[in-house]
C-alpha atoms as a PDB file:
ATOM      1  CA  UNK A   1     -15.593  -1.264 -10.037  1.00  0.00           C
ATOM      2  CA  UNK A   2     -18.190  -3.729 -11.172  1.00  0.00           C
ATOM      3  CA  UNK A   3     -19.715  -3.816  -8.044  1.00  0.00           C
ATOM      4  CA  UNK A   4     -19.948  -0.047  -7.588  1.00  0.00           C
ATOM      5  CA  UNK A   5     -21.249   0.392 -11.331  1.00  0.00           C
ATOM      6  CA  UNK A   6     -24.020  -2.471  -9.941  1.00  0.00           C
ATOM      7  CA  UNK A   7     -24.446  -0.132  -7.143  1.00  0.00           C
ATOM      8  CA  UNK A   8     -24.631   2.975  -8.850  1.00  0.00           C
ATOM      9  CA  UNK A   9     -27.540   2.084 -10.819  1.00  0.00           C
ATOM     10  CA  UNK A  10     -29.740   0.579  -8.606  1.00  0.00           C
ATOM     11  CA  UNK A  11     -33.037   1.433 -10.793  1.00  0.00           C
ATOM     12  CA  UNK A  12     -31.932  -0.878 -13.597  1.00  0.00           C
ATOM     13  CA  UNK A  13     -30.062  -3.530 -11.733  1.00  0.00           C
ATOM     14  CA  UNK A  14     -32.757  -3.795  -9.078  1.00  0.00           C
ATOM     15  CA  UNK A  15     -34.925  -6.654 -10.336  1.00  0.00           C
ATOM     16  CA  UNK A  16     -31.688  -8.577 -11.406  1.00  0.00           C
ATOM     17  CA  UNK A  17     -30.018  -8.407  -7.802  1.00  0.00           C
ATOM     18  CA  UNK A  18     -33.556  -8.950  -5.971  1.00  0.00           C
ATOM     19  CA  UNK A  19     -34.688 -11.890  -8.487  1.00  0.00           C
ATOM     20  CA  UNK A  20     -31.139 -13.896  -8.178  1.00  0.00           C
ATOM     21  CA  UNK A  21     -30.882 -12.681  -4.396  1.00  0.00           C
ATOM     22  CA  UNK A  22     -27.541 -11.305  -5.222  1.00  0.00           C
ATOM     23  CA  UNK A  23     -27.766  -7.873  -3.200  1.00  0.00           C
ATOM     24  CA  UNK A  24     -25.634  -9.478  -0.379  1.00  0.00           C
ATOM     25  CA  UNK A  25     -23.153 -10.666  -2.307  1.00  0.00           C
ATOM     26  CA  UNK A  26     -22.462  -8.265  -4.354  1.00  0.00           C
ATOM     27  CA  UNK A  27     -22.458  -5.711  -1.180  1.00  0.00           C
ATOM     28  CA  UNK A  28     -19.643  -8.251   0.440  1.00  0.00           C
ATOM     29  CA  UNK A  29     -17.630  -8.123  -2.866  1.00  0.00           C
ATOM     30  CA  UNK A  30     -17.484  -4.407  -3.005  1.00  0.00           C
ATOM     31  CA  UNK A  31     -16.484  -4.624   0.671  1.00  0.00           C
ATOM     32  CA  UNK A  32     -13.787  -6.973   0.497  1.00  0.00           C
ATOM     33  CA  UNK A  33     -12.596  -5.153  -2.827  1.00  0.00           C
ATOM     34  CA  UNK A  34     -12.311  -1.850  -1.173  1.00  0.00           C
ATOM     35  CA  UNK A  35     -10.180  -3.413   2.092  1.00  0.00           C
ATOM     36  CA  UNK A  36      -7.997  -5.113  -0.817  1.00  0.00           C
ATOM     37  CA  UNK A  37      -7.385  -1.657  -2.447  1.00  0.00           C
ATOM     38  CA  UNK A  38      -7.105   0.021   1.049  1.00  0.00           C
ATOM     39  CA  UNK A  39      -4.090  -2.309   1.852  1.00  0.00           C
ATOM     40  CA  UNK A  40      -2.531  -2.565  -1.558  1.00  0.00           C
ATOM     41  CA  UNK A  41      -2.377   1.232  -1.125  1.00  0.00           C
ATOM     42  CA  UNK A  42      -1.046   0.956   2.487  1.00  0.00           C
ATOM     43  CA  UNK A  43       1.642  -1.733   1.503  1.00  0.00           C
ATOM     44  CA  UNK A  44       3.079  -0.068  -1.608  1.00  0.00           C
ATOM     45  CA  UNK A  45       3.214   3.186   0.474  1.00  0.00           C
ATOM     46  CA  UNK A  46       4.886   1.448   3.148  1.00  0.00           C
ATOM     47  CA  UNK A  47       7.518   0.115   0.728  1.00  0.00           C
ATOM     48  CA  UNK A  48       8.269   3.382  -0.743  1.00  0.00           C
ATOM     49  CA  UNK A  49       9.483   4.279   2.439  1.00  0.00           C
ATOM     50  CA  UNK A  50      12.587   1.385   2.891  1.00  0.00           C
ATOM     51  CA  UNK A  51      15.292   3.352   0.752  1.00  0.00           C
ATOM     52  CA  UNK A  52      17.855   4.812   2.377  1.00  0.00           C
ATOM     53  CA  UNK A  53      15.977   7.470   3.648  1.00  0.00           C
ATOM     54  CA  UNK A  54      12.051   7.733   3.845  1.00  0.00           C
ATOM     55  CA  UNK A  55      11.809   9.701   0.470  1.00  0.00           C
ATOM     56  CA  UNK A  56      14.980   8.122  -1.347  1.00  0.00           C
ATOM     57  CA  UNK A  57      12.569   5.937  -3.391  1.00  0.00           C
ATOM     58  CA  UNK A  58       9.958   8.564  -4.091  1.00  0.00           C
ATOM     59  CA  UNK A  59      12.754  11.115  -5.399  1.00  0.00           C
ATOM     60  CA  UNK A  60      14.280   8.325  -7.660  1.00  0.00           C
ATOM     61  CA  UNK A  61      10.562   8.077  -9.248  1.00  0.00           C
ATOM     62  CA  UNK A  62       9.928  11.757  -9.477  1.00  0.00           C
ATOM     63  CA  UNK A  63      13.756  12.044 -10.943  1.00  0.00           C
ATOM     64  CA  UNK A  64      14.266   9.428 -12.612  1.00  0.00           C
ATOM     65  CA  UNK A  65      17.379   9.114 -11.103  1.00  0.00           C
ATOM     66  CA  UNK A  66      18.819   6.969  -7.760  1.00  0.00           C
ATOM     67  CA  UNK A  67      22.263   7.364  -6.099  1.00  0.00           C
ATOM     68  CA  UNK A  68      24.085   3.853  -6.219  1.00  0.00           C
ATOM     69  CA  UNK A  69      26.362   2.964  -3.519  1.00  0.00           C
ATOM     70  CA  UNK A  70      30.379   3.030  -4.512  1.00  0.00           C
ATOM     71  CA  UNK A  71      30.604  -0.755  -4.039  1.00  0.00           C
ATOM     72  CA  UNK A  72      28.854  -3.393  -3.039  1.00  0.00           C
ATOM     73  CA  UNK A  73      29.849  -3.577   1.212  1.00  0.00           C
ATOM     74  CA  UNK A  74      27.847  -0.299   1.306  1.00  0.00           C
ATOM     75  CA  UNK A  75      25.295  -1.410  -0.541  1.00  0.00           C
ATOM     76  CA  UNK A  76      24.388  -4.256   1.878  1.00  0.00           C
ATOM     77  CA  UNK A  77      25.522  -2.867   5.224  1.00  0.00           C
ATOM     78  CA  UNK A  78      22.478  -1.689   7.261  1.00  0.00           C
ATOM     79  CA  UNK A  79      22.049   1.717   9.103  1.00  0.00           C
ATOM     80  CA  UNK A  80      23.357   2.001  12.080  1.00  0.00           C
ATOM     81  CA  UNK A  81      20.560   2.667  14.550  1.00  0.00           C
ATOM     82  CA  UNK A  82      21.727   5.248  17.465  1.00  0.00           C
ATOM     83  CA  UNK A  83      21.191   4.347  21.058  1.00  0.00           C
ATOM     84  CA  UNK A  84      18.010   6.155  22.457  1.00  0.00           C
ATOM     85  CA  UNK A  85      18.782   5.404  26.057  1.00  0.00           C
ATOM     86  CA  UNK A  86      21.805   6.839  28.303  1.00  0.00           C
ATOM     87  CA  UNK A  87      21.840   3.552  30.324  1.00  0.00           C
ATOM     88  CA  UNK A  88      22.309   1.614  26.633  1.00  0.00           C
ATOM     89  CA  UNK A  89      25.367   3.657  26.032  1.00  0.00           C
ATOM     90  CA  UNK A  90      26.975   3.071  29.667  1.00  0.00           C
ATOM     91  CA  UNK A  91      26.601  -0.973  29.140  1.00  0.00           C
END
């Protein structure tokens, strides 16, 4: 945010940015911050889909309620993936 503010009113900060040759550094910090924010957003959206179903954690955030498994074995058991190929089913 700070780098965006520095770039938004460039006429005010222009003298300082040019005097101390900071424009390149501010630009680099601004781009790095944008990439980190994009990475943060992507990782958190991915992590929200890691529930029992793709939207179970999202629905829990919206409704404030999450269905919990009956027993501990059911909670720790991974979901079984269906076999895709008929060749794999023959084996």
